[in-house]
Amino acid sequence: MPHFHIENHRSQHIGWLRAAVLGANDGAISTASLVVGVAAAQTSAHGILVAGFAGLAAGAMAMAAGEYVSVSSQADTEKADLNRERRELAEDPHNEHKELTGIYINRGLTAELASEVARQLMAHDALGAHARDELGIVEHQVARPVQAAAASALTFVTGATIPLIFAAFAPREHVILIVVLVTVCVLAVLGGLAAKVGGAPVWIGSARVTFWGALAMAITAGVGTLFHVAA
C-alpha cells in the first residue's frame, strides 16, 4: 500500500493570517492613536472613551467592508477565469492539452513526459490541472470574502479592545503614557507572532510593526496637542 507523506506549509495559512494580523494591528494602532490624540487635546475621560468606542465600531465595519469588497473582486476574477477555462476545455481539449504540455516543458520535463503528464492529469481532473498550473489558483489560497471579512472585523475588535480597557481604568493624567506602553507591547507581540507563523525572524516582525504603531500614535498626539481643546 503506498505511503503518502503530508506536509503542512506556511503558505497554507497566508489567507487567514494576513487578514487576522492586519485586523489586530489596525485595531490596536488606530484605536490607541485615536485615544492618545483625543487625550492630548485635554478631552475628558468620558470623551476619550466615547471617541475610542466609536473608533472601534467604525474601524471594525470599515475593515470588514474593505476586506469583503477586495477579496470579492479577487473571487470574481478567479470565477471568470475558471468559467473561461471550463469553456475552452469543452470546445478545444486538444489545444488545452498542448497548452498544459508546454507549461510542463518550460518547467523542465521532456516533451514526451510533459505530454503524458498533461494527458493523465486532464483525464483525472482537467479543470483542476489548468486552474493550478495555468491560472495559479490553488485550493488553500482561493479567495473567501466572508471568511476574510469576519476575520478582519473580529481581530480588529480584539486589537482595539486592549488599549480601550487600559484607557478606561487608567488615571486621566496617565492615560497617554499607559495606552502607548500597552499598545507598543501588544504590537511587538503581534508582529513577532505573525513573523514566527510566517517563518520570518521574530525581532524583525516585532520591530517594524512597533515602529509604525509608535509613529502613528506620536503623530496623532501631536495633532491633538495642536488643537488642545478642552471638553
Protein backbone atom coordinates (compact mmCIF):
# COMPACT_ATOMS: atom_id res chain seq x y z
CA MET A 1 0.00 0.00 0.00
CA PRO A 2 1.55 3.36 -0.98
CA HIS A 3 2.51 5.75 1.78
CA PHE A 4 1.73 9.41 1.29
CA HIS A 5 3.75 11.97 3.20
CA ILE A 6 1.62 15.00 4.00
CA GLU A 7 3.36 18.26 4.82
CA ASN A 8 1.90 21.44 6.23
CA HIS A 9 3.36 24.53 4.62
CA ARG A 10 3.29 28.08 5.93
CA SER A 11 1.68 29.32 2.71
CA GLN A 12 -1.46 27.41 3.67
CA HIS A 13 -2.04 29.94 6.45
CA ILE A 14 -1.41 33.05 4.38
CA GLY A 15 -5.06 33.90 3.65
CA TRP A 16 -6.44 34.00 7.16
CA LEU A 17 -3.12 35.09 8.68
CA ARG A 18 -2.92 38.21 6.54
CA ALA A 19 -6.47 39.28 7.39
CA ALA A 20 -6.10 38.44 11.08
CA VAL A 21 -2.78 40.23 11.59
CA LEU A 22 -3.91 43.24 9.58
CA GLY A 23 -7.13 43.46 11.58
CA ALA A 24 -5.48 43.16 15.01
CA ASN A 25 -2.67 45.57 14.17
CA ASP A 26 -5.05 48.13 12.71
CA GLY A 27 -7.40 47.79 15.67
CA ALA A 28 -4.65 48.37 18.20
CA ILE A 29 -2.89 51.13 16.28
CA SER A 30 -5.90 53.13 15.13
CA THR A 31 -7.79 52.94 18.42
CA ALA A 32 -4.74 53.68 20.56
CA SER A 33 -3.80 56.56 18.25
CA LEU A 34 -7.33 57.94 18.48
CA VAL A 35 -7.31 57.69 22.28
CA VAL A 36 -3.89 59.32 22.51
CA GLY A 37 -4.83 62.10 20.11
CA VAL A 38 -8.09 62.90 21.91
CA ALA A 39 -6.39 62.71 25.31
CA ALA A 40 -3.65 65.07 24.13
CA ALA A 41 -6.37 67.59 23.27
CA GLN A 42 -7.25 67.67 27.00
CA THR A 43 -10.58 65.94 26.47
CA SER A 44 -12.37 64.47 29.49
CA ALA A 45 -12.10 60.78 30.36
CA HIS A 46 -15.69 60.27 29.19
CA GLY A 47 -14.95 61.93 25.87
CA ILE A 48 -11.87 59.78 25.39
CA LEU A 49 -13.85 56.56 25.85
CA VAL A 50 -16.69 57.71 23.61
CA ALA A 51 -14.21 58.51 20.85
CA GLY A 52 -12.42 55.21 21.41
CA PHE A 53 -15.55 53.06 21.21
CA ALA A 54 -16.83 54.99 18.20
CA GLY A 55 -13.49 54.38 16.51
CA LEU A 56 -13.70 50.68 17.37
CA ALA A 57 -17.16 50.31 15.83
CA ALA A 58 -16.36 52.35 12.74
CA GLY A 59 -13.00 50.67 12.24
CA ALA A 60 -14.36 47.14 12.54
CA MET A 61 -17.05 47.83 9.97
CA ALA A 62 -14.61 49.56 7.65
CA MET A 63 -12.17 46.65 7.88
CA ALA A 64 -14.90 44.09 7.22
CA ALA A 65 -16.35 46.02 4.30
CA GLY A 66 -12.98 46.76 2.75
CA GLU A 67 -11.76 43.19 3.07
CA TYR A 68 -15.03 41.79 1.72
CA VAL A 69 -15.00 44.06 -1.33
CA SER A 70 -11.32 43.41 -2.01
CA VAL A 71 -11.50 39.63 -1.69
CA SER A 72 -14.82 39.52 -3.57
CA SER A 73 -13.11 41.19 -6.51
CA GLN A 74 -10.42 38.51 -6.38
CA ALA A 75 -13.08 35.80 -6.17
CA ASP A 76 -14.94 37.25 -9.16
CA THR A 77 -11.74 37.23 -11.20
CA GLU A 78 -10.99 33.63 -10.24
CA LYS A 79 -14.55 32.57 -11.11
CA ALA A 80 -14.40 34.29 -14.50
CA ASP A 81 -11.05 32.64 -15.29
CA LEU A 82 -12.35 29.21 -14.29
CA ASN A 83 -15.51 29.63 -16.37
CA ARG A 84 -13.43 30.59 -19.39
CA GLU A 85 -11.12 27.62 -18.84
CA ARG A 86 -14.09 25.27 -18.47
CA ARG A 87 -15.50 26.52 -21.77
CA GLU A 88 -12.16 26.16 -23.58
CA LEU A 89 -11.76 22.61 -22.27
CA ALA A 90 -15.16 21.70 -23.64
CA GLU A 91 -14.61 23.35 -27.02
CA ASP A 92 -10.95 22.56 -27.72
CA PRO A 93 -9.48 19.93 -25.39
CA HIS A 94 -6.64 19.16 -27.83
CA ASN A 95 -5.30 22.71 -27.71
CA GLU A 96 -5.71 22.78 -23.94
CA HIS A 97 -3.62 19.63 -23.73
CA LYS A 98 -0.91 21.29 -25.82
CA GLU A 99 -1.07 24.34 -23.57
CA LEU A 100 -0.60 22.27 -20.44
CA THR A 101 2.18 20.26 -22.09
CA GLY A 102 4.02 23.48 -22.89
CA ILE A 103 3.83 24.55 -19.27
CA TYR A 104 5.44 21.32 -18.10
CA ILE A 105 8.13 21.52 -20.78
CA ASN A 106 9.02 25.01 -19.55
CA ARG A 107 9.35 23.54 -16.06
CA GLY A 108 11.95 21.06 -17.21
CA LEU A 109 10.16 17.93 -18.41
CA THR A 110 10.88 16.33 -21.75
CA ALA A 111 8.24 16.79 -24.43
CA GLU A 112 7.15 13.15 -24.22
CA LEU A 113 6.88 13.12 -20.45
CA ALA A 114 5.18 16.52 -20.36
CA SER A 115 2.58 15.31 -22.83
CA GLU A 116 1.91 12.17 -20.81
CA VAL A 117 1.68 14.08 -17.52
CA ALA A 118 -0.75 16.54 -19.09
CA ARG A 119 -2.84 13.70 -20.51
CA GLN A 120 -3.10 11.86 -17.20
CA LEU A 121 -3.85 14.98 -15.16
CA MET A 122 -6.54 16.08 -17.60
CA ALA A 123 -8.06 12.62 -17.50
CA HIS A 124 -8.23 12.85 -13.73
CA ASP A 125 -9.30 16.49 -13.33
CA ALA A 126 -8.80 18.69 -16.37
CA LEU A 127 -10.16 21.90 -14.84
CA GLY A 128 -8.20 21.39 -11.63
CA ALA A 129 -4.97 20.84 -13.54
CA HIS A 130 -5.41 24.01 -15.60
CA ALA A 131 -6.56 26.03 -12.60
CA ARG A 132 -3.46 25.05 -10.68
CA ASP A 133 -0.78 25.04 -13.36
CA GLU A 134 -2.06 27.61 -15.86
CA LEU A 135 -4.01 30.05 -13.70
CA GLY A 136 -2.15 29.60 -10.42
CA ILE A 137 -5.34 29.01 -8.45
CA VAL A 138 -4.81 26.53 -5.60
CA GLU A 139 -7.34 25.38 -3.04
CA HIS A 140 -5.77 26.81 0.13
CA GLN A 141 -5.38 30.25 -1.48
CA VAL A 142 -8.83 30.55 -3.04
CA ALA A 143 -10.49 33.87 -2.22
CA ARG A 144 -13.08 33.58 0.58
CA PRO A 145 -14.70 37.03 1.08
CA VAL A 146 -16.91 36.23 4.08
CA GLN A 147 -14.11 34.48 5.95
CA ALA A 148 -11.69 37.33 5.28
CA ALA A 149 -14.24 39.98 6.31
CA ALA A 150 -15.17 38.18 9.54
CA ALA A 151 -11.52 37.62 10.46
CA SER A 152 -10.68 41.27 9.85
CA ALA A 153 -13.61 42.58 11.89
CA LEU A 154 -13.13 40.20 14.82
CA THR A 155 -9.39 40.71 15.04
CA PHE A 156 -9.81 44.48 14.72
CA VAL A 157 -12.16 44.45 17.70
CA THR A 158 -9.72 42.25 19.63
CA GLY A 159 -6.82 44.57 18.92
CA ALA A 160 -8.85 47.70 19.66
CA THR A 161 -10.28 46.41 22.93
CA ILE A 162 -6.92 46.18 24.68
CA PRO A 163 -5.97 49.90 24.62
CA LEU A 164 -9.59 50.80 25.38
CA ILE A 165 -9.63 48.69 28.54
CA PHE A 166 -6.49 50.35 29.83
CA ALA A 167 -7.78 53.79 28.84
CA ALA A 168 -10.97 53.14 30.80
CA PHE A 169 -9.17 52.30 34.05
CA ALA A 170 -6.08 54.48 33.83
CA PRO A 171 -5.95 57.79 35.76
CA ARG A 172 -6.76 60.66 33.40
CA GLU A 173 -3.33 62.21 33.80
CA HIS A 174 -1.58 58.97 32.83
CA VAL A 175 -3.86 57.80 30.01
CA ILE A 176 -1.45 58.67 27.21
CA LEU A 177 1.58 57.03 28.79
CA ILE A 178 -0.27 53.84 29.77
CA VAL A 179 -2.05 53.43 26.43
CA VAL A 180 1.17 53.99 24.49
CA LEU A 181 3.17 51.49 26.56
CA VAL A 182 0.46 48.83 26.45
CA THR A 183 -0.09 49.25 22.71
CA VAL A 184 3.63 49.08 21.95
CA CYS A 185 3.82 45.78 23.87
CA VAL A 186 0.76 44.41 22.07
CA LEU A 187 2.16 45.37 18.69
CA ALA A 188 5.50 43.79 19.49
CA VAL A 189 3.77 40.52 20.37
CA LEU A 190 1.53 40.60 17.29
CA GLY A 191 4.42 41.39 14.99
CA GLY A 192 6.55 38.64 16.49
CA LEU A 193 3.72 36.11 16.32
CA ALA A 194 2.99 36.88 12.69
CA ALA A 195 6.67 36.62 11.83
CA LYS A 196 7.00 33.29 13.63
CA VAL A 197 3.99 31.77 11.90
CA GLY A 198 5.23 33.10 8.57
CA GLY A 199 8.74 31.77 9.12
CA ALA A 200 10.44 35.21 9.32
CA PRO A 201 12.78 36.46 12.09
CA VAL A 202 10.64 37.35 15.12
CA TRP A 203 12.55 40.51 16.04
CA ILE A 204 12.13 41.97 12.55
CA GLY A 205 8.37 41.41 12.65
CA SER A 206 8.12 42.98 16.09
CA ALA A 207 10.32 45.94 15.22
CA ARG A 208 8.56 47.01 12.05
CA VAL A 209 5.05 46.77 13.50
CA THR A 210 6.08 48.56 16.69
CA PHE A 211 7.82 51.34 14.76
CA TRP A 212 4.81 52.18 12.61
CA GLY A 213 2.44 51.94 15.55
CA ALA A 214 4.58 54.28 17.66
CA LEU A 215 4.84 56.70 14.75
CA ALA A 216 1.05 56.74 14.29
CA MET A 217 0.47 57.45 17.99
CA ALA A 218 3.13 60.17 18.01
CA ILE A 219 1.54 61.93 15.03
CA THR A 220 -1.99 61.83 16.46
CA ALA A 221 -0.70 63.01 19.83
CA GLY A 222 0.91 65.94 18.04
CA VAL A 223 -2.35 66.75 16.24
CA GLY A 224 -4.31 66.58 19.50
CA THR A 225 -1.79 68.83 21.25
CA LEU A 226 -2.09 71.40 18.47
CA PHE A 227 -5.85 71.63 18.89
CA HIS A 228 -5.71 71.42 22.68
CA VAL A 229 -9.46 71.92 23.04
CA ALA A 230 -10.93 71.29 26.49
CA ALA A 231 -14.15 69.31 26.51
